[in-house]
Amino acid sequence: MKILVIDANYLFGNGFLFPAGPLRQTSSSALRNADVILLIGSEQLPKSLVKYRKKVFSANYKASGSYNSKKSYLAFSALANNAKFFNSLSDHGLRVEEYIEFSDHYSYRVTDIVNLIQLAAQKGLTLITTSKDYVKLPKRYQKEIVEFKIELVINSQAEFIKILKRYVKKS
């Protein structure tokens, strides 16, 4: 089963294939070959997807966990799009006073984590990061950092699962 995931805010980026752009194949090829298209971040169908509406499911991220909206945070991450994570924190009502970006797939060193902990302490902030980054942290420091957990909520989830089950039965 081929699932094409599209961020509604970026769609197909600049439209160029890697390394000039974000695409691994042309958008027309990806759309044509996809069994299901997940449009994340909007329920409104962009013009470029109208032709494929029968296989489009919209979805959104939702925080899974409770977070203290009265605290001030220092957020850090090592993602391809760190700004998306930082915006997500604000969208979920968290007050982020400072952001620190690392390059995508960065391997945190102990000195990085110690420096982050010290900086947060100096500024009276609570450290927060993504689940992807949290699992890469040395266990002894995890208790000092909040893991921001999210889940993907798919609209028409029952129909989406029905389609998945059909493909699982085929294999």
N, C-alpha and C. Protein backbone atom coordinates (compact mmCIF):
# COMPACT_ATOMS: atom_id res chain seq x y z
N MET A 1 0.84 -1.17 0.00
CA MET A 1 0.00 0.00 0.00
C MET A 1 0.89 1.24 0.00
N LYS A 2 0.56 2.17 -0.84
CA LYS A 2 1.33 3.40 -0.94
C LYS A 2 0.52 4.55 -0.35
N ILE A 3 1.05 5.13 0.73
CA ILE A 3 0.41 6.27 1.38
C ILE A 3 1.27 7.50 1.14
N LEU A 4 0.69 8.50 0.51
CA LEU A 4 1.37 9.76 0.28
C LEU A 4 0.95 10.73 1.37
N VAL A 5 1.93 11.25 2.10
CA VAL A 5 1.66 12.19 3.18
C VAL A 5 2.05 13.59 2.70
N ILE A 6 1.10 14.51 2.82
CA ILE A 6 1.32 15.89 2.36
C ILE A 6 1.01 16.85 3.49
N ASP A 7 1.95 17.73 3.78
CA ASP A 7 1.74 18.79 4.76
C ASP A 7 0.98 19.91 4.04
N ALA A 8 -0.19 20.26 4.54
CA ALA A 8 -1.04 21.26 3.89
C ALA A 8 -0.37 22.63 3.80
N ASN A 9 0.54 22.91 4.71
CA ASN A 9 1.21 24.21 4.69
C ASN A 9 2.31 24.31 3.64
N TYR A 10 2.83 23.17 3.20
CA TYR A 10 3.95 23.16 2.26
C TYR A 10 3.62 22.50 0.93
N LEU A 11 2.59 21.66 0.94
CA LEU A 11 2.22 20.88 -0.23
C LEU A 11 3.44 20.24 -0.87
N PHE A 12 3.85 20.68 -2.04
CA PHE A 12 4.98 20.06 -2.73
C PHE A 12 6.21 20.97 -2.73
N GLY A 13 6.28 21.86 -1.75
CA GLY A 13 7.43 22.74 -1.61
C GLY A 13 7.65 23.55 -2.87
N ASN A 14 8.90 23.60 -3.32
CA ASN A 14 9.23 24.37 -4.54
C ASN A 14 8.97 23.55 -5.82
N GLY A 15 8.52 22.31 -5.65
CA GLY A 15 8.19 21.48 -6.81
C GLY A 15 9.36 20.74 -7.43
N PHE A 16 10.55 20.95 -6.89
CA PHE A 16 11.74 20.31 -7.44
C PHE A 16 12.08 19.02 -6.72
N LEU A 17 12.72 18.13 -7.45
CA LEU A 17 13.19 16.87 -6.87
C LEU A 17 14.46 17.11 -6.06
N PHE A 18 14.70 16.24 -5.10
CA PHE A 18 15.92 16.26 -4.30
C PHE A 18 17.13 16.19 -5.22
N PRO A 19 18.18 16.93 -5.08
CA PRO A 19 18.56 17.80 -3.96
C PRO A 19 18.11 19.25 -4.11
N ALA A 20 17.50 19.62 -5.24
CA ALA A 20 17.08 21.01 -5.44
C ALA A 20 15.82 21.35 -4.65
N GLY A 21 15.06 20.31 -4.26
CA GLY A 21 13.82 20.52 -3.53
C GLY A 21 13.53 19.35 -2.63
N PRO A 22 12.32 19.32 -2.05
CA PRO A 22 11.99 18.29 -1.07
C PRO A 22 11.44 16.97 -1.64
N LEU A 23 11.17 16.94 -2.94
CA LEU A 23 10.49 15.79 -3.51
C LEU A 23 11.43 14.64 -3.86
N ARG A 24 10.96 13.41 -3.65
CA ARG A 24 11.71 12.21 -4.02
C ARG A 24 11.27 11.70 -5.39
N GLN A 25 10.10 12.15 -5.83
CA GLN A 25 9.59 11.86 -7.16
C GLN A 25 8.68 13.02 -7.54
N THR A 26 8.28 13.10 -8.78
CA THR A 26 7.43 14.22 -9.19
C THR A 26 6.09 14.12 -8.46
N SER A 27 5.49 15.27 -8.24
CA SER A 27 4.20 15.28 -7.53
C SER A 27 3.14 14.54 -8.33
N SER A 28 3.15 14.69 -9.65
CA SER A 28 2.14 14.00 -10.47
C SER A 28 2.29 12.49 -10.37
N SER A 29 3.52 12.00 -10.36
CA SER A 29 3.78 10.57 -10.21
C SER A 29 3.35 10.08 -8.84
N ALA A 30 3.70 10.83 -7.80
CA ALA A 30 3.35 10.44 -6.43
C ALA A 30 1.83 10.40 -6.25
N LEU A 31 1.14 11.39 -6.76
CA LEU A 31 -0.32 11.44 -6.64
C LEU A 31 -0.97 10.29 -7.40
N ARG A 32 -0.50 10.04 -8.58
CA ARG A 32 -1.06 8.98 -9.42
C ARG A 32 -0.85 7.60 -8.78
N ASN A 33 0.34 7.37 -8.19
CA ASN A 33 0.68 6.06 -7.64
C ASN A 33 0.16 5.81 -6.23
N ALA A 34 -0.26 6.85 -5.54
CA ALA A 34 -0.71 6.70 -4.15
C ALA A 34 -2.05 5.97 -4.08
N ASP A 35 -2.13 5.06 -3.12
CA ASP A 35 -3.41 4.40 -2.85
C ASP A 35 -4.26 5.28 -1.94
N VAL A 36 -3.60 5.98 -1.04
CA VAL A 36 -4.24 6.88 -0.09
C VAL A 36 -3.36 8.12 0.03
N ILE A 37 -4.00 9.27 0.18
CA ILE A 37 -3.28 10.52 0.40
C ILE A 37 -3.71 11.08 1.74
N LEU A 38 -2.75 11.31 2.61
CA LEU A 38 -3.02 11.93 3.91
C LEU A 38 -2.63 13.40 3.81
N LEU A 39 -3.60 14.27 3.96
CA LEU A 39 -3.36 15.72 3.94
C LEU A 39 -3.37 16.19 5.39
N ILE A 40 -2.21 16.57 5.88
CA ILE A 40 -2.09 16.93 7.30
C ILE A 40 -2.10 18.44 7.46
N GLY A 41 -3.03 18.91 8.30
CA GLY A 41 -3.05 20.32 8.66
C GLY A 41 -4.17 21.14 8.05
N SER A 42 -5.04 20.52 7.28
CA SER A 42 -6.16 21.25 6.69
C SER A 42 -7.23 20.27 6.23
N GLU A 43 -8.47 20.70 6.37
CA GLU A 43 -9.57 19.90 5.85
C GLU A 43 -10.00 20.40 4.48
N GLN A 44 -9.49 21.58 4.12
CA GLN A 44 -9.81 22.16 2.81
C GLN A 44 -8.88 21.57 1.76
N LEU A 45 -9.47 21.07 0.73
CA LEU A 45 -8.72 20.42 -0.34
C LEU A 45 -8.06 21.45 -1.25
N PRO A 46 -6.72 21.43 -1.35
CA PRO A 46 -6.05 22.34 -2.28
C PRO A 46 -6.42 21.98 -3.72
N LYS A 47 -6.33 22.95 -4.59
CA LYS A 47 -6.68 22.77 -6.00
C LYS A 47 -5.95 21.58 -6.62
N SER A 48 -4.67 21.42 -6.25
CA SER A 48 -3.86 20.35 -6.84
C SER A 48 -4.32 18.94 -6.45
N LEU A 49 -5.19 18.84 -5.44
CA LEU A 49 -5.65 17.52 -4.99
C LEU A 49 -7.10 17.21 -5.34
N VAL A 50 -7.80 18.17 -5.91
CA VAL A 50 -9.23 17.99 -6.22
C VAL A 50 -9.46 16.75 -7.07
N LYS A 51 -8.61 16.54 -8.04
CA LYS A 51 -8.73 15.39 -8.95
C LYS A 51 -8.61 14.05 -8.20
N TYR A 52 -7.96 14.06 -7.04
CA TYR A 52 -7.69 12.84 -6.27
C TYR A 52 -8.54 12.75 -5.00
N ARG A 53 -9.59 13.57 -4.90
CA ARG A 53 -10.35 13.72 -3.65
C ARG A 53 -10.86 12.41 -3.07
N LYS A 54 -11.13 11.41 -3.91
CA LYS A 54 -11.67 10.14 -3.40
C LYS A 54 -10.67 9.37 -2.55
N LYS A 55 -9.38 9.66 -2.72
CA LYS A 55 -8.39 8.95 -1.91
C LYS A 55 -7.68 9.85 -0.89
N VAL A 56 -8.23 11.06 -0.66
CA VAL A 56 -7.63 11.99 0.29
C VAL A 56 -8.33 11.90 1.64
N PHE A 57 -7.52 11.79 2.68
CA PHE A 57 -8.01 11.84 4.06
C PHE A 57 -7.30 13.01 4.73
N SER A 58 -8.06 13.85 5.41
CA SER A 58 -7.42 14.95 6.13
C SER A 58 -7.10 14.48 7.55
N ALA A 59 -6.07 15.09 8.12
CA ALA A 59 -5.62 14.72 9.45
C ALA A 59 -4.97 15.93 10.12
N ASN A 60 -4.89 15.86 11.43
CA ASN A 60 -4.24 16.92 12.22
C ASN A 60 -3.48 16.29 13.37
N TYR A 61 -2.47 17.03 13.84
CA TYR A 61 -1.74 16.59 15.02
C TYR A 61 -2.43 17.13 16.26
N LYS A 62 -2.43 16.31 17.29
CA LYS A 62 -3.02 16.70 18.57
C LYS A 62 -2.03 16.32 19.66
N ALA A 63 -1.85 17.21 20.61
CA ALA A 63 -0.97 16.90 21.74
C ALA A 63 -1.58 15.75 22.52
N SER A 64 -0.77 14.77 22.86
CA SER A 64 -1.25 13.67 23.69
C SER A 64 -0.46 13.71 24.99
N GLY A 65 -1.09 14.19 25.99
CA GLY A 65 -0.44 14.39 27.28
C GLY A 65 -0.90 15.72 27.84
N SER A 66 -0.55 15.95 29.09
CA SER A 66 -0.93 17.23 29.68
C SER A 66 0.34 18.06 29.87
N TYR A 67 0.22 19.32 29.52
CA TYR A 67 1.35 20.23 29.59
C TYR A 67 0.94 21.46 30.37
N ASN A 68 1.88 22.00 31.13
CA ASN A 68 1.59 23.13 31.99
C ASN A 68 1.69 24.43 31.17
N SER A 69 0.54 25.02 30.89
CA SER A 69 0.52 26.24 30.08
C SER A 69 0.97 27.46 30.89
N LYS A 70 1.16 27.29 32.19
CA LYS A 70 1.63 28.41 33.02
C LYS A 70 3.15 28.49 33.06
N LYS A 71 3.81 27.41 32.66
CA LYS A 71 5.28 27.41 32.64
C LYS A 71 5.77 28.11 31.38
N SER A 72 7.02 28.54 31.44
CA SER A 72 7.70 29.07 30.25
C SER A 72 8.73 28.04 29.83
N TYR A 73 8.82 27.82 28.52
CA TYR A 73 9.65 26.74 28.01
C TYR A 73 10.82 27.23 27.15
N LEU A 74 11.85 26.40 27.13
CA LEU A 74 12.94 26.50 26.17
C LEU A 74 12.81 25.25 25.31
N ALA A 75 12.46 25.44 24.05
CA ALA A 75 12.23 24.31 23.15
C ALA A 75 13.47 24.07 22.30
N PHE A 76 13.78 22.80 22.09
CA PHE A 76 14.88 22.45 21.18
C PHE A 76 14.50 21.23 20.37
N SER A 77 15.04 21.17 19.16
CA SER A 77 14.75 20.03 18.29
C SER A 77 15.78 19.93 17.18
N ALA A 78 15.80 18.75 16.57
CA ALA A 78 16.70 18.47 15.45
C ALA A 78 15.88 17.83 14.34
N LEU A 79 15.10 18.66 13.68
CA LEU A 79 14.18 18.20 12.64
C LEU A 79 14.50 18.87 11.31
N ALA A 80 13.93 18.34 10.25
CA ALA A 80 14.08 18.99 8.95
C ALA A 80 13.37 20.35 8.97
N ASN A 81 12.30 20.44 9.76
CA ASN A 81 11.55 21.69 9.87
C ASN A 81 11.30 21.98 11.35
N ASN A 82 12.29 22.54 12.02
CA ASN A 82 12.17 22.85 13.44
C ASN A 82 11.03 23.84 13.71
N ALA A 83 10.83 24.78 12.79
CA ALA A 83 9.79 25.80 12.98
C ALA A 83 8.41 25.16 13.14
N LYS A 84 8.17 24.07 12.45
CA LYS A 84 6.87 23.40 12.56
C LYS A 84 6.63 22.91 13.99
N PHE A 85 7.66 22.36 14.60
CA PHE A 85 7.56 21.92 16.00
C PHE A 85 7.33 23.12 16.91
N PHE A 86 8.10 24.17 16.72
CA PHE A 86 7.97 25.35 17.57
C PHE A 86 6.57 25.96 17.45
N ASN A 87 6.06 26.03 16.23
CA ASN A 87 4.70 26.55 16.02
C ASN A 87 3.66 25.66 16.67
N SER A 88 3.89 24.36 16.62
CA SER A 88 2.96 23.41 17.22
C SER A 88 2.85 23.63 18.73
N LEU A 89 3.96 23.94 19.37
CA LEU A 89 3.93 24.21 20.80
C LEU A 89 3.03 25.41 21.10
N SER A 90 3.21 26.47 20.33
CA SER A 90 2.37 27.66 20.50
C SER A 90 0.91 27.35 20.20
N ASP A 91 0.68 26.59 19.14
CA ASP A 91 -0.69 26.22 18.76
C ASP A 91 -1.39 25.44 19.87
N HIS A 92 -0.62 24.74 20.69
CA HIS A 92 -1.19 23.97 21.80
C HIS A 92 -1.17 24.75 23.11
N GLY A 93 -0.94 26.06 23.03
CA GLY A 93 -1.07 26.94 24.19
C GLY A 93 0.14 27.00 25.11
N LEU A 94 1.29 26.51 24.65
CA LEU A 94 2.48 26.57 25.50
C LEU A 94 3.25 27.87 25.22
N ARG A 95 3.77 28.44 26.29
CA ARG A 95 4.52 29.69 26.18
C ARG A 95 6.01 29.36 26.05
N VAL A 96 6.53 29.52 24.85
CA VAL A 96 7.93 29.21 24.58
C VAL A 96 8.70 30.52 24.51
N GLU A 97 9.67 30.66 25.40
CA GLU A 97 10.46 31.89 25.49
C GLU A 97 11.70 31.84 24.61
N GLU A 98 12.20 30.64 24.37
CA GLU A 98 13.42 30.52 23.59
C GLU A 98 13.40 29.21 22.79
N TYR A 99 14.00 29.27 21.59
CA TYR A 99 14.08 28.12 20.70
C TYR A 99 15.53 27.87 20.34
N ILE A 100 15.90 26.60 20.32
CA ILE A 100 17.25 26.24 19.88
C ILE A 100 17.10 25.14 18.84
N GLU A 101 17.66 25.40 17.65
CA GLU A 101 17.56 24.47 16.53
C GLU A 101 18.87 23.73 16.32
N PHE A 102 18.74 22.44 16.08
CA PHE A 102 19.87 21.62 15.67
C PHE A 102 19.52 21.10 14.27
N SER A 103 20.53 20.67 13.54
CA SER A 103 20.27 20.15 12.19
C SER A 103 19.53 18.81 12.27
N ASP A 104 18.83 18.50 11.21
CA ASP A 104 18.05 17.27 11.14
C ASP A 104 18.93 16.05 11.43
N HIS A 105 18.41 15.14 12.24
CA HIS A 105 19.09 13.90 12.63
C HIS A 105 20.36 14.14 13.46
N TYR A 106 20.44 15.28 14.09
CA TYR A 106 21.61 15.60 14.91
C TYR A 106 21.76 14.57 16.03
N SER A 107 22.99 14.16 16.29
CA SER A 107 23.27 13.25 17.41
C SER A 107 23.73 14.11 18.59
N TYR A 108 22.87 14.21 19.57
CA TYR A 108 23.18 15.04 20.73
C TYR A 108 24.37 14.49 21.50
N ARG A 109 25.25 15.38 21.87
CA ARG A 109 26.37 15.03 22.74
C ARG A 109 25.98 15.38 24.17
N VAL A 110 26.63 14.77 25.12
CA VAL A 110 26.33 15.05 26.53
C VAL A 110 26.53 16.54 26.80
N THR A 111 27.55 17.14 26.21
CA THR A 111 27.79 18.58 26.44
C THR A 111 26.63 19.42 25.92
N ASP A 112 26.00 19.02 24.83
CA ASP A 112 24.83 19.75 24.31
C ASP A 112 23.71 19.76 25.36
N ILE A 113 23.46 18.59 25.91
CA ILE A 113 22.35 18.45 26.86
C ILE A 113 22.67 19.21 28.15
N VAL A 114 23.88 19.08 28.63
CA VAL A 114 24.28 19.79 29.85
C VAL A 114 24.14 21.30 29.63
N ASN A 115 24.58 21.79 28.48
CA ASN A 115 24.46 23.22 28.17
C ASN A 115 23.00 23.66 28.10
N LEU A 116 22.14 22.84 27.51
CA LEU A 116 20.72 23.16 27.45
C LEU A 116 20.11 23.22 28.86
N ILE A 117 20.45 22.26 29.68
CA ILE A 117 19.93 22.22 31.06
C ILE A 117 20.39 23.45 31.83
N GLN A 118 21.66 23.81 31.69
CA GLN A 118 22.18 24.99 32.39
C GLN A 118 21.52 26.27 31.88
N LEU A 119 21.37 26.41 30.58
CA LEU A 119 20.74 27.59 30.01
C LEU A 119 19.30 27.73 30.49
N ALA A 120 18.57 26.63 30.49
CA ALA A 120 17.18 26.65 30.95
C ALA A 120 17.12 27.05 32.43
N ALA A 121 18.02 26.51 33.23
CA ALA A 121 18.04 26.83 34.67
C ALA A 121 18.34 28.31 34.88
N GLN A 122 19.31 28.84 34.14
CA GLN A 122 19.67 30.27 34.27
C GLN A 122 18.49 31.18 33.95
N LYS A 123 17.69 30.77 32.99
CA LYS A 123 16.59 31.61 32.53
C LYS A 123 15.25 31.26 33.19
N GLY A 124 15.26 30.25 34.06
CA GLY A 124 14.03 29.84 34.72
C GLY A 124 13.02 29.20 33.78
N LEU A 125 13.53 28.48 32.78
CA LEU A 125 12.67 27.85 31.78
C LEU A 125 12.68 26.33 31.93
N THR A 126 11.65 25.71 31.41
CA THR A 126 11.54 24.26 31.39
C THR A 126 11.89 23.78 29.98
N LEU A 127 12.77 22.80 29.89
CA LEU A 127 13.15 22.26 28.57
C LEU A 127 12.04 21.37 28.02
N ILE A 128 11.81 21.49 26.72
CA ILE A 128 10.83 20.65 26.04
C ILE A 128 11.37 20.31 24.66
N THR A 129 11.11 19.07 24.23
CA THR A 129 11.56 18.63 22.90
C THR A 129 10.57 17.63 22.31
N THR A 130 10.83 17.22 21.10
CA THR A 130 9.98 16.26 20.40
C THR A 130 10.22 14.84 20.91
N SER A 131 9.30 13.95 20.65
CA SER A 131 9.51 12.53 21.00
C SER A 131 10.69 11.96 20.23
N LYS A 132 10.83 12.38 18.98
CA LYS A 132 11.95 11.91 18.14
C LYS A 132 13.29 12.25 18.78
N ASP A 133 13.39 13.46 19.33
CA ASP A 133 14.63 13.88 19.97
C ASP A 133 14.77 13.31 21.38
N TYR A 134 13.67 13.21 22.08
CA TYR A 134 13.69 12.74 23.46
C TYR A 134 14.32 11.35 23.57
N VAL A 135 13.97 10.46 22.66
CA VAL A 135 14.49 9.09 22.73
C VAL A 135 15.98 9.02 22.45
N LYS A 136 16.54 10.07 21.84
CA LYS A 136 17.98 10.09 21.56
C LYS A 136 18.80 10.64 22.73
N LEU A 137 18.12 11.13 23.75
CA LEU A 137 18.82 11.74 24.89
C LEU A 137 19.30 10.66 25.85
N PRO A 138 20.45 10.88 26.48
CA PRO A 138 20.90 9.93 27.51
C PRO A 138 19.83 9.84 28.60
N LYS A 139 19.52 8.63 29.05
CA LYS A 139 18.45 8.39 30.03
C LYS A 139 18.60 9.25 31.28
N ARG A 140 19.81 9.47 31.72
CA ARG A 140 20.01 10.21 32.98
C ARG A 140 19.55 11.67 32.89
N TYR A 141 19.36 12.19 31.67
CA TYR A 141 18.92 13.58 31.51
C TYR A 141 17.44 13.70 31.15
N GLN A 142 16.82 12.59 30.81
CA GLN A 142 15.43 12.65 30.35
C GLN A 142 14.48 13.20 31.41
N LYS A 143 14.76 12.94 32.68
CA LYS A 143 13.85 13.42 33.73
C LYS A 143 13.83 14.94 33.84
N GLU A 144 14.81 15.60 33.24
CA GLU A 144 14.89 17.06 33.31
C GLU A 144 14.31 17.75 32.08
N ILE A 145 13.78 16.94 31.17
CA ILE A 145 13.28 17.46 29.90
C ILE A 145 11.88 16.91 29.64
N VAL A 146 10.98 17.79 29.22
CA VAL A 146 9.61 17.39 28.90
C VAL A 146 9.56 16.89 27.46
N GLU A 147 8.95 15.74 27.29
CA GLU A 147 8.74 15.18 25.94
C GLU A 147 7.38 15.64 25.45
N PHE A 148 7.35 16.35 24.33
CA PHE A 148 6.10 16.81 23.75
C PHE A 148 5.58 15.72 22.82
N LYS A 149 4.56 15.03 23.28
CA LYS A 149 4.01 13.91 22.53
C LYS A 149 2.82 14.38 21.69
N ILE A 150 2.77 13.89 20.47
CA ILE A 150 1.64 14.20 19.60
C ILE A 150 1.11 12.91 19.00
N GLU A 151 -0.12 12.99 18.56
CA GLU A 151 -0.70 11.86 17.82
C GLU A 151 -1.38 12.42 16.58
N LEU A 152 -1.46 11.61 15.58
CA LEU A 152 -2.11 12.00 14.34
C LEU A 152 -3.56 11.56 14.40
N VAL A 153 -4.47 12.52 14.25
CA VAL A 153 -5.90 12.24 14.26
C VAL A 153 -6.40 12.34 12.82
N ILE A 154 -6.84 11.22 12.30
CA ILE A 154 -7.31 11.15 10.91
C ILE A 154 -8.82 11.29 10.88
N ASN A 155 -9.30 12.26 10.11
CA ASN A 155 -10.74 12.41 9.93
C ASN A 155 -11.21 11.22 9.09
N SER A 156 -12.42 10.80 9.31
CA SER A 156 -12.96 9.61 8.64
C SER A 156 -12.06 8.40 8.92
N GLN A 157 -11.67 8.28 10.17
CA GLN A 157 -10.73 7.24 10.58
C GLN A 157 -11.27 5.83 10.30
N ALA A 158 -12.55 5.62 10.52
CA ALA A 158 -13.13 4.30 10.29
C ALA A 158 -12.96 3.87 8.83
N GLU A 159 -13.20 4.81 7.92
CA GLU A 159 -13.04 4.51 6.48
C GLU A 159 -11.56 4.25 6.16
N PHE A 160 -10.67 5.04 6.75
CA PHE A 160 -9.24 4.87 6.54
C PHE A 160 -8.80 3.48 7.01
N ILE A 161 -9.26 3.05 8.17
CA ILE A 161 -8.90 1.74 8.71
C ILE A 161 -9.47 0.62 7.83
N LYS A 162 -10.66 0.83 7.31
CA LYS A 162 -11.27 -0.16 6.42
C LYS A 162 -10.39 -0.37 5.18
N ILE A 163 -9.87 0.70 4.63
CA ILE A 163 -8.98 0.61 3.48
C ILE A 163 -7.69 -0.11 3.85
N LEU A 164 -7.12 0.23 5.00
CA LEU A 164 -5.90 -0.44 5.47
C LEU A 164 -6.12 -1.94 5.60
N LYS A 165 -7.23 -2.31 6.19
CA LYS A 165 -7.53 -3.74 6.38
C LYS A 165 -7.65 -4.47 5.05
N ARG A 166 -8.22 -3.80 4.06
CA ARG A 166 -8.31 -4.40 2.74
C ARG A 166 -6.93 -4.73 2.18
N TYR A 167 -6.00 -3.82 2.35
CA TYR A 167 -4.63 -4.04 1.86
C TYR A 167 -3.89 -5.10 2.67
N VAL A 168 -4.16 -5.15 3.95
CA VAL A 168 -3.52 -6.17 4.78
C VAL A 168 -4.00 -7.55 4.39
N LYS A 169 -5.28 -7.69 4.09
CA LYS A 169 -5.83 -8.98 3.66
C LYS A 169 -5.22 -9.43 2.36
N LYS A 170 -4.93 -8.48 1.45
CA LYS A 170 -4.32 -8.82 0.17
C LYS A 170 -2.93 -9.40 0.32
N SER A 171 -2.21 -8.93 1.31
CA SER A 171 -0.83 -9.40 1.48
C SER A 171 -0.83 -10.60 2.37
